[in-house]
Amino acid sequence: MSLNPIKYRHYSSGVSNQRGVSMAFLLFAIIIVSLLAAALIRINSQSELSVAQQVIATRAFFAAESGANLQALAIFPIGAGLGTCANSNYTFTNNGLNGCTATTQCAAIVIGTDTFYQITSQGQCNIGQPLQATRTIEVRLKDAETP
């Protein structure tokens, strides 16, 4: 009696058939990560632009407020009588407001025996540049010493 030798079939483990799959997956992963990085960069740059615009708008508000305060000081000077109510332009060179201006308009309004002063102040920063801002405030004053 003779033993029949067992014939082994050589089955492929599948590694040689899948050589391109890992490369395709790697390429897909690289593309997805690149798209995510590009989106994050865009979001970051938009956020920086928004913060810069907010800073300039805040500076314009403070320029308008400073202009109104200077105009109020012209109407009611410290240690003196009544000053003048006139339209004025102010250019600021101090740190924080450098490059900002304030344009004020003043009007005296008489109601009965009381005189009120209405100041409209428009602050502008970075005029003529890509990021610029304008803010306007309005103030009404009355002399506290008048009966």
N, C-alpha and C. Protein backbone atom coordinates (compact mmCIF):
# COMPACT_ATOMS: atom_id res chain seq x y z
N MET A 1 0.82 -1.13 0.00
CA MET A 1 0.00 0.00 0.00
C MET A 1 0.89 1.24 0.00
N SER A 2 0.55 2.13 -0.78
CA SER A 2 1.37 3.33 -0.87
C SER A 2 0.57 4.53 -0.39
N LEU A 3 1.30 5.34 0.22
CA LEU A 3 0.66 6.56 0.72
C LEU A 3 0.65 7.61 -0.37
N ASN A 4 -0.48 8.16 -0.50
CA ASN A 4 -0.57 9.26 -1.47
C ASN A 4 -0.05 10.53 -0.81
N PRO A 5 0.88 11.12 -1.44
CA PRO A 5 1.36 12.38 -0.86
C PRO A 5 0.25 13.44 -0.92
N ILE A 6 0.19 14.20 0.12
CA ILE A 6 -0.81 15.25 0.17
C ILE A 6 -0.30 16.42 -0.67
N LYS A 7 -1.13 16.76 -1.54
CA LYS A 7 -0.76 17.88 -2.38
C LYS A 7 -1.31 19.16 -1.74
N TYR A 8 -0.40 20.02 -1.54
CA TYR A 8 -0.79 21.30 -0.96
C TYR A 8 -1.02 22.31 -2.06
N ARG A 9 -2.07 22.92 -1.90
CA ARG A 9 -2.30 24.01 -2.83
C ARG A 9 -1.75 25.26 -2.20
N HIS A 10 -1.13 26.04 -2.98
CA HIS A 10 -0.55 27.27 -2.47
C HIS A 10 -1.58 28.38 -2.66
N TYR A 11 -2.17 28.77 -1.53
CA TYR A 11 -3.15 29.84 -1.58
C TYR A 11 -2.45 31.17 -1.30
N SER A 12 -2.87 32.17 -2.02
CA SER A 12 -2.31 33.50 -1.84
C SER A 12 -2.88 34.08 -0.56
N SER A 13 -2.03 34.72 0.21
CA SER A 13 -2.49 35.32 1.46
C SER A 13 -3.28 36.61 1.22
N GLY A 14 -3.30 37.11 0.04
CA GLY A 14 -4.05 38.31 -0.28
C GLY A 14 -3.22 39.57 -0.22
N VAL A 15 -1.99 39.49 0.31
CA VAL A 15 -1.15 40.68 0.42
C VAL A 15 -0.78 41.18 -0.97
N SER A 16 -0.43 40.28 -1.82
CA SER A 16 -0.01 40.71 -3.15
C SER A 16 -1.19 41.27 -3.94
N ASN A 17 -2.39 40.87 -3.61
CA ASN A 17 -3.56 41.37 -4.32
C ASN A 17 -4.01 42.74 -3.81
N GLN A 18 -3.49 43.20 -2.65
CA GLN A 18 -3.96 44.43 -2.03
C GLN A 18 -2.88 45.52 -2.00
N ARG A 19 -1.94 45.45 -2.82
CA ARG A 19 -0.85 46.44 -2.80
C ARG A 19 -1.35 47.85 -3.04
N GLY A 20 -2.28 48.10 -3.90
CA GLY A 20 -2.76 49.43 -4.23
C GLY A 20 -3.77 50.00 -3.23
N VAL A 21 -4.36 49.16 -2.40
CA VAL A 21 -5.39 49.62 -1.47
C VAL A 21 -4.80 50.51 -0.39
N SER A 22 -3.69 50.14 0.18
CA SER A 22 -3.08 50.97 1.23
C SER A 22 -2.61 52.31 0.67
N MET A 23 -2.12 52.31 -0.55
CA MET A 23 -1.70 53.55 -1.17
C MET A 23 -2.90 54.47 -1.42
N ALA A 24 -4.00 53.90 -1.85
CA ALA A 24 -5.21 54.70 -2.09
C ALA A 24 -5.74 55.26 -0.77
N PHE A 25 -5.74 54.45 0.28
CA PHE A 25 -6.20 54.92 1.59
C PHE A 25 -5.30 56.05 2.10
N LEU A 26 -4.00 55.89 1.95
CA LEU A 26 -3.06 56.91 2.40
C LEU A 26 -3.28 58.22 1.64
N LEU A 27 -3.48 58.12 0.34
CA LEU A 27 -3.73 59.31 -0.48
C LEU A 27 -5.04 59.98 -0.05
N PHE A 28 -6.08 59.20 0.21
CA PHE A 28 -7.36 59.73 0.68
C PHE A 28 -7.18 60.44 2.02
N ALA A 29 -6.45 59.85 2.94
CA ALA A 29 -6.22 60.44 4.27
C ALA A 29 -5.45 61.75 4.14
N ILE A 30 -4.45 61.81 3.28
CA ILE A 30 -3.67 63.03 3.08
C ILE A 30 -4.55 64.15 2.52
N ILE A 31 -5.43 63.81 1.59
CA ILE A 31 -6.32 64.82 1.01
C ILE A 31 -7.28 65.36 2.07
N ILE A 32 -7.85 64.49 2.88
CA ILE A 32 -8.79 64.92 3.93
C ILE A 32 -8.08 65.82 4.95
N VAL A 33 -6.89 65.42 5.39
CA VAL A 33 -6.14 66.23 6.36
C VAL A 33 -5.77 67.58 5.75
N SER A 34 -5.42 67.61 4.48
CA SER A 34 -5.08 68.87 3.81
C SER A 34 -6.29 69.80 3.73
N LEU A 35 -7.46 69.25 3.43
CA LEU A 35 -8.67 70.06 3.38
C LEU A 35 -9.03 70.62 4.75
N LEU A 36 -8.87 69.81 5.79
CA LEU A 36 -9.12 70.30 7.14
C LEU A 36 -8.14 71.40 7.53
N ALA A 37 -6.87 71.24 7.18
CA ALA A 37 -5.87 72.27 7.49
C ALA A 37 -6.19 73.57 6.75
N ALA A 38 -6.59 73.46 5.49
CA ALA A 38 -6.93 74.66 4.72
C ALA A 38 -8.14 75.37 5.33
N ALA A 39 -9.13 74.60 5.78
CA ALA A 39 -10.31 75.20 6.42
C ALA A 39 -9.93 75.90 7.72
N LEU A 40 -9.06 75.30 8.51
CA LEU A 40 -8.63 75.92 9.77
C LEU A 40 -7.85 77.19 9.52
N ILE A 41 -7.02 77.21 8.51
CA ILE A 41 -6.25 78.41 8.18
C ILE A 41 -7.20 79.53 7.75
N ARG A 42 -8.21 79.19 6.97
CA ARG A 42 -9.17 80.20 6.53
C ARG A 42 -9.97 80.76 7.71
N ILE A 43 -10.42 79.89 8.59
CA ILE A 43 -11.17 80.33 9.77
C ILE A 43 -10.30 81.22 10.64
N ASN A 44 -9.02 80.85 10.80
CA ASN A 44 -8.11 81.64 11.62
C ASN A 44 -7.89 83.03 11.02
N SER A 45 -7.70 83.11 9.72
CA SER A 45 -7.47 84.41 9.10
C SER A 45 -8.72 85.29 9.17
N GLN A 46 -9.91 84.70 9.03
CA GLN A 46 -11.14 85.47 9.17
C GLN A 46 -11.31 85.96 10.60
N SER A 47 -10.92 85.14 11.56
CA SER A 47 -11.01 85.54 12.96
C SER A 47 -10.06 86.70 13.25
N GLU A 48 -8.84 86.64 12.72
CA GLU A 48 -7.88 87.73 12.91
C GLU A 48 -8.39 89.02 12.29
N LEU A 49 -9.01 88.94 11.12
CA LEU A 49 -9.57 90.11 10.46
C LEU A 49 -10.71 90.70 11.28
N SER A 50 -11.54 89.84 11.84
CA SER A 50 -12.65 90.30 12.67
C SER A 50 -12.15 91.00 13.93
N VAL A 51 -11.13 90.47 14.55
CA VAL A 51 -10.57 91.08 15.76
C VAL A 51 -9.96 92.44 15.42
N ALA A 52 -9.25 92.51 14.30
CA ALA A 52 -8.64 93.78 13.89
C ALA A 52 -9.71 94.84 13.63
N GLN A 53 -10.81 94.46 12.97
CA GLN A 53 -11.89 95.40 12.69
C GLN A 53 -12.55 95.85 13.99
N GLN A 54 -12.69 94.94 14.94
CA GLN A 54 -13.29 95.29 16.22
C GLN A 54 -12.41 96.28 17.00
N VAL A 55 -11.10 96.11 16.93
CA VAL A 55 -10.18 97.02 17.61
C VAL A 55 -10.27 98.41 17.00
N ILE A 56 -10.31 98.49 15.67
CA ILE A 56 -10.39 99.78 15.00
C ILE A 56 -11.73 100.46 15.30
N ALA A 57 -12.81 99.68 15.35
CA ALA A 57 -14.12 100.25 15.68
C ALA A 57 -14.14 100.78 17.12
N THR A 58 -13.48 100.09 18.03
CA THR A 58 -13.41 100.56 19.41
C THR A 58 -12.60 101.85 19.49
N ARG A 59 -11.50 101.92 18.74
CA ARG A 59 -10.71 103.14 18.70
C ARG A 59 -11.53 104.31 18.15
N ALA A 60 -12.34 104.05 17.11
CA ALA A 60 -13.19 105.11 16.54
C ALA A 60 -14.22 105.58 17.56
N PHE A 61 -14.77 104.66 18.35
CA PHE A 61 -15.72 105.05 19.39
C PHE A 61 -15.04 105.95 20.42
N PHE A 62 -13.84 105.58 20.85
CA PHE A 62 -13.14 106.39 21.84
C PHE A 62 -12.71 107.74 21.26
N ALA A 63 -12.43 107.80 19.96
CA ALA A 63 -12.13 109.09 19.32
C ALA A 63 -13.37 109.98 19.34
N ALA A 64 -14.54 109.40 19.05
CA ALA A 64 -15.79 110.17 19.09
C ALA A 64 -16.07 110.65 20.51
N GLU A 65 -15.85 109.78 21.47
CA GLU A 65 -16.08 110.16 22.87
C GLU A 65 -15.10 111.25 23.32
N SER A 66 -13.85 111.14 22.90
CA SER A 66 -12.85 112.16 23.24
C SER A 66 -13.20 113.50 22.61
N GLY A 67 -13.66 113.46 21.35
CA GLY A 67 -14.09 114.69 20.69
C GLY A 67 -15.24 115.35 21.42
N ALA A 68 -16.21 114.56 21.88
CA ALA A 68 -17.34 115.11 22.62
C ALA A 68 -16.88 115.71 23.95
N ASN A 69 -15.94 115.04 24.61
CA ASN A 69 -15.41 115.57 25.88
C ASN A 69 -14.65 116.87 25.67
N LEU A 70 -13.85 116.94 24.61
CA LEU A 70 -13.12 118.18 24.32
C LEU A 70 -14.08 119.31 23.98
N GLN A 71 -15.13 119.00 23.25
CA GLN A 71 -16.13 120.02 22.91
C GLN A 71 -16.86 120.48 24.18
N ALA A 72 -17.18 119.54 25.07
CA ALA A 72 -17.84 119.90 26.34
C ALA A 72 -16.93 120.80 27.17
N LEU A 73 -15.62 120.52 27.14
CA LEU A 73 -14.67 121.35 27.87
C LEU A 73 -14.57 122.75 27.25
N ALA A 74 -14.79 122.85 25.93
CA ALA A 74 -14.79 124.17 25.29
C ALA A 74 -16.04 124.96 25.67
N ILE A 75 -17.14 124.26 25.88
CA ILE A 75 -18.38 124.95 26.27
C ILE A 75 -18.34 125.36 27.74
N PHE A 76 -17.88 124.43 28.58
CA PHE A 76 -17.81 124.68 30.02
C PHE A 76 -16.36 124.55 30.49
N PRO A 77 -15.53 125.58 30.25
CA PRO A 77 -14.14 125.50 30.67
C PRO A 77 -14.02 125.44 32.19
N ILE A 78 -13.01 124.73 32.66
CA ILE A 78 -12.79 124.57 34.10
C ILE A 78 -12.35 125.91 34.69
N GLY A 79 -13.02 126.35 35.74
CA GLY A 79 -12.64 127.57 36.44
C GLY A 79 -12.99 128.84 35.70
N ALA A 80 -13.81 128.75 34.67
CA ALA A 80 -14.19 129.95 33.92
C ALA A 80 -15.69 129.93 33.72
N GLY A 81 -16.18 130.93 33.09
CA GLY A 81 -17.61 131.00 32.81
C GLY A 81 -17.97 130.12 31.63
N LEU A 82 -18.93 130.59 30.90
CA LEU A 82 -19.40 129.85 29.75
C LEU A 82 -18.45 130.06 28.57
N GLY A 83 -18.10 128.98 27.91
CA GLY A 83 -17.22 129.04 26.74
C GLY A 83 -18.03 129.19 25.47
N THR A 84 -17.53 128.62 24.39
CA THR A 84 -18.20 128.74 23.10
C THR A 84 -18.66 127.38 22.60
N CYS A 85 -19.75 127.40 21.89
CA CYS A 85 -20.30 126.20 21.24
C CYS A 85 -20.05 126.36 19.75
N ALA A 86 -19.01 125.73 19.25
CA ALA A 86 -18.65 125.85 17.84
C ALA A 86 -18.24 124.48 17.30
N ASN A 87 -18.45 124.28 16.01
CA ASN A 87 -18.02 123.04 15.38
C ASN A 87 -16.50 122.97 15.39
N SER A 88 -15.96 121.78 15.65
CA SER A 88 -14.51 121.63 15.76
C SER A 88 -14.05 120.31 15.15
N ASN A 89 -12.78 120.30 14.77
CA ASN A 89 -12.13 119.08 14.29
C ASN A 89 -10.91 118.81 15.17
N TYR A 90 -10.75 117.58 15.56
CA TYR A 90 -9.61 117.19 16.40
C TYR A 90 -8.87 116.05 15.72
N THR A 91 -7.55 116.15 15.73
CA THR A 91 -6.69 115.07 15.23
C THR A 91 -5.87 114.56 16.41
N PHE A 92 -5.94 113.27 16.65
CA PHE A 92 -5.27 112.69 17.81
C PHE A 92 -3.93 112.09 17.42
N THR A 93 -2.93 112.35 18.26
CA THR A 93 -1.59 111.78 18.03
C THR A 93 -1.14 110.94 19.21
N ASN A 94 -1.99 110.80 20.21
CA ASN A 94 -1.64 110.01 21.40
C ASN A 94 -1.63 108.53 21.05
N ASN A 95 -0.92 107.76 21.87
CA ASN A 95 -0.96 106.31 21.72
C ASN A 95 -2.39 105.83 21.91
N GLY A 96 -2.81 104.91 21.09
CA GLY A 96 -4.17 104.38 21.18
C GLY A 96 -5.12 105.05 20.21
N LEU A 97 -4.99 106.36 20.04
CA LEU A 97 -5.86 107.08 19.10
C LEU A 97 -5.08 107.67 17.93
N ASN A 98 -3.82 107.30 17.81
CA ASN A 98 -2.99 107.80 16.72
C ASN A 98 -3.62 107.40 15.38
N GLY A 99 -3.78 108.38 14.50
CA GLY A 99 -4.40 108.12 13.21
C GLY A 99 -5.91 108.26 13.23
N CYS A 100 -6.46 108.74 14.34
CA CYS A 100 -7.91 108.93 14.47
C CYS A 100 -8.23 110.41 14.52
N THR A 101 -9.43 110.75 14.08
CA THR A 101 -9.90 112.13 14.12
C THR A 101 -11.31 112.15 14.72
N ALA A 102 -11.70 113.33 15.19
CA ALA A 102 -13.07 113.54 15.67
C ALA A 102 -13.57 114.84 15.09
N THR A 103 -14.75 114.80 14.54
CA THR A 103 -15.42 115.98 14.01
C THR A 103 -16.65 116.22 14.87
N THR A 104 -16.71 117.38 15.49
CA THR A 104 -17.83 117.68 16.39
C THR A 104 -18.68 118.79 15.82
N GLN A 105 -19.97 118.67 16.06
CA GLN A 105 -20.93 119.72 15.73
C GLN A 105 -21.65 120.09 17.02
N CYS A 106 -21.78 121.37 17.26
CA CYS A 106 -22.39 121.84 18.50
C CYS A 106 -23.57 122.75 18.16
N ALA A 107 -24.64 122.57 18.89
CA ALA A 107 -25.81 123.41 18.69
C ALA A 107 -26.40 123.76 20.06
N ALA A 108 -26.75 125.01 20.23
CA ALA A 108 -27.40 125.46 21.46
C ALA A 108 -28.92 125.40 21.25
N ILE A 109 -29.60 124.75 22.17
CA ILE A 109 -31.05 124.59 22.07
C ILE A 109 -31.67 125.23 23.31
N VAL A 110 -32.53 126.21 23.10
CA VAL A 110 -33.18 126.91 24.22
C VAL A 110 -34.59 126.36 24.37
N ILE A 111 -34.87 125.87 25.58
CA ILE A 111 -36.20 125.38 25.91
C ILE A 111 -36.66 126.14 27.15
N GLY A 112 -37.60 127.01 26.97
CA GLY A 112 -38.05 127.87 28.08
C GLY A 112 -36.91 128.79 28.49
N THR A 113 -36.48 128.67 29.73
CA THR A 113 -35.36 129.49 30.22
C THR A 113 -34.06 128.69 30.27
N ASP A 114 -34.12 127.42 29.89
CA ASP A 114 -32.93 126.55 29.94
C ASP A 114 -32.25 126.47 28.57
N THR A 115 -30.94 126.48 28.60
CA THR A 115 -30.16 126.31 27.37
C THR A 115 -29.45 124.96 27.45
N PHE A 116 -29.70 124.15 26.46
CA PHE A 116 -29.04 122.85 26.34
C PHE A 116 -28.07 122.91 25.17
N TYR A 117 -26.99 122.18 25.28
CA TYR A 117 -25.99 122.12 24.22
C TYR A 117 -25.95 120.68 23.70
N GLN A 118 -26.21 120.57 22.41
CA GLN A 118 -26.20 119.24 21.79
C GLN A 118 -24.91 119.09 21.00
N ILE A 119 -24.12 118.09 21.37
CA ILE A 119 -22.85 117.81 20.70
C ILE A 119 -22.99 116.49 19.95
N THR A 120 -22.69 116.53 18.67
CA THR A 120 -22.62 115.32 17.86
C THR A 120 -21.17 115.15 17.47
N SER A 121 -20.59 114.03 17.86
CA SER A 121 -19.17 113.79 17.61
C SER A 121 -19.01 112.52 16.78
N GLN A 122 -18.28 112.66 15.69
CA GLN A 122 -18.01 111.52 14.80
C GLN A 122 -16.52 111.19 14.85
N GLY A 123 -16.19 110.00 15.34
CA GLY A 123 -14.81 109.55 15.39
C GLY A 123 -14.50 108.66 14.21
N GLN A 124 -13.34 108.87 13.61
CA GLN A 124 -12.93 108.08 12.44
C GLN A 124 -11.50 107.61 12.65
N CYS A 125 -11.24 106.35 12.32
CA CYS A 125 -9.89 105.80 12.41
C CYS A 125 -9.54 105.06 11.13
N ASN A 126 -8.27 105.18 10.75
CA ASN A 126 -7.71 104.49 9.58
C ASN A 126 -8.44 104.84 8.29
N ILE A 127 -8.81 106.09 8.12
CA ILE A 127 -9.52 106.51 6.92
C ILE A 127 -8.62 106.33 5.71
N GLY A 128 -9.18 105.74 4.65
CA GLY A 128 -8.43 105.50 3.42
C GLY A 128 -7.66 104.20 3.42
N GLN A 129 -7.75 103.43 4.47
CA GLN A 129 -7.08 102.14 4.54
C GLN A 129 -8.12 101.03 4.42
N PRO A 130 -7.67 99.80 4.14
CA PRO A 130 -8.65 98.72 3.97
C PRO A 130 -9.54 98.49 5.19
N LEU A 131 -8.97 98.56 6.38
CA LEU A 131 -9.76 98.44 7.61
C LEU A 131 -9.93 99.82 8.20
N GLN A 132 -11.16 100.32 8.20
CA GLN A 132 -11.44 101.64 8.74
C GLN A 132 -12.78 101.59 9.47
N ALA A 133 -12.98 102.55 10.34
CA ALA A 133 -14.22 102.57 11.12
C ALA A 133 -14.63 104.00 11.43
N THR A 134 -15.93 104.21 11.56
CA THR A 134 -16.50 105.49 11.95
C THR A 134 -17.57 105.22 13.00
N ARG A 135 -17.52 105.96 14.08
CA ARG A 135 -18.53 105.85 15.13
C ARG A 135 -19.01 107.25 15.49
N THR A 136 -20.30 107.38 15.76
CA THR A 136 -20.90 108.67 16.08
C THR A 136 -21.62 108.57 17.42
N ILE A 137 -21.40 109.58 18.26
CA ILE A 137 -22.14 109.67 19.52
C ILE A 137 -22.76 111.05 19.62
N GLU A 138 -23.80 111.15 20.43
CA GLU A 138 -24.49 112.42 20.62
C GLU A 138 -24.65 112.64 22.12
N VAL A 139 -24.35 113.87 22.55
CA VAL A 139 -24.40 114.22 23.96
C VAL A 139 -25.18 115.51 24.11
N ARG A 140 -26.00 115.60 25.16
CA ARG A 140 -26.69 116.85 25.48
C ARG A 140 -26.24 117.30 26.86
N LEU A 141 -25.89 118.57 26.94
CA LEU A 141 -25.37 119.14 28.18
C LEU A 141 -26.22 120.31 28.62
N LYS A 142 -26.22 120.50 29.93
CA LYS A 142 -26.89 121.67 30.52
C LYS A 142 -26.00 122.14 31.66
N ASP A 143 -25.83 123.43 31.76
CA ASP A 143 -25.03 123.98 32.84
C ASP A 143 -25.72 123.69 34.18
N ALA A 144 -25.00 123.05 35.08
CA ALA A 144 -25.59 122.67 36.36
C ALA A 144 -25.74 123.86 37.28
N GLU A 145 -25.04 124.97 37.00
CA GLU A 145 -25.09 126.12 37.90
C GLU A 145 -26.24 127.07 37.59
N THR A 146 -26.87 126.93 36.44
CA THR A 146 -27.99 127.81 36.15
C THR A 146 -29.22 127.33 36.89
N PRO A 147 -29.98 128.25 37.44
CA PRO A 147 -31.17 127.87 38.23
C PRO A 147 -32.27 127.29 37.38
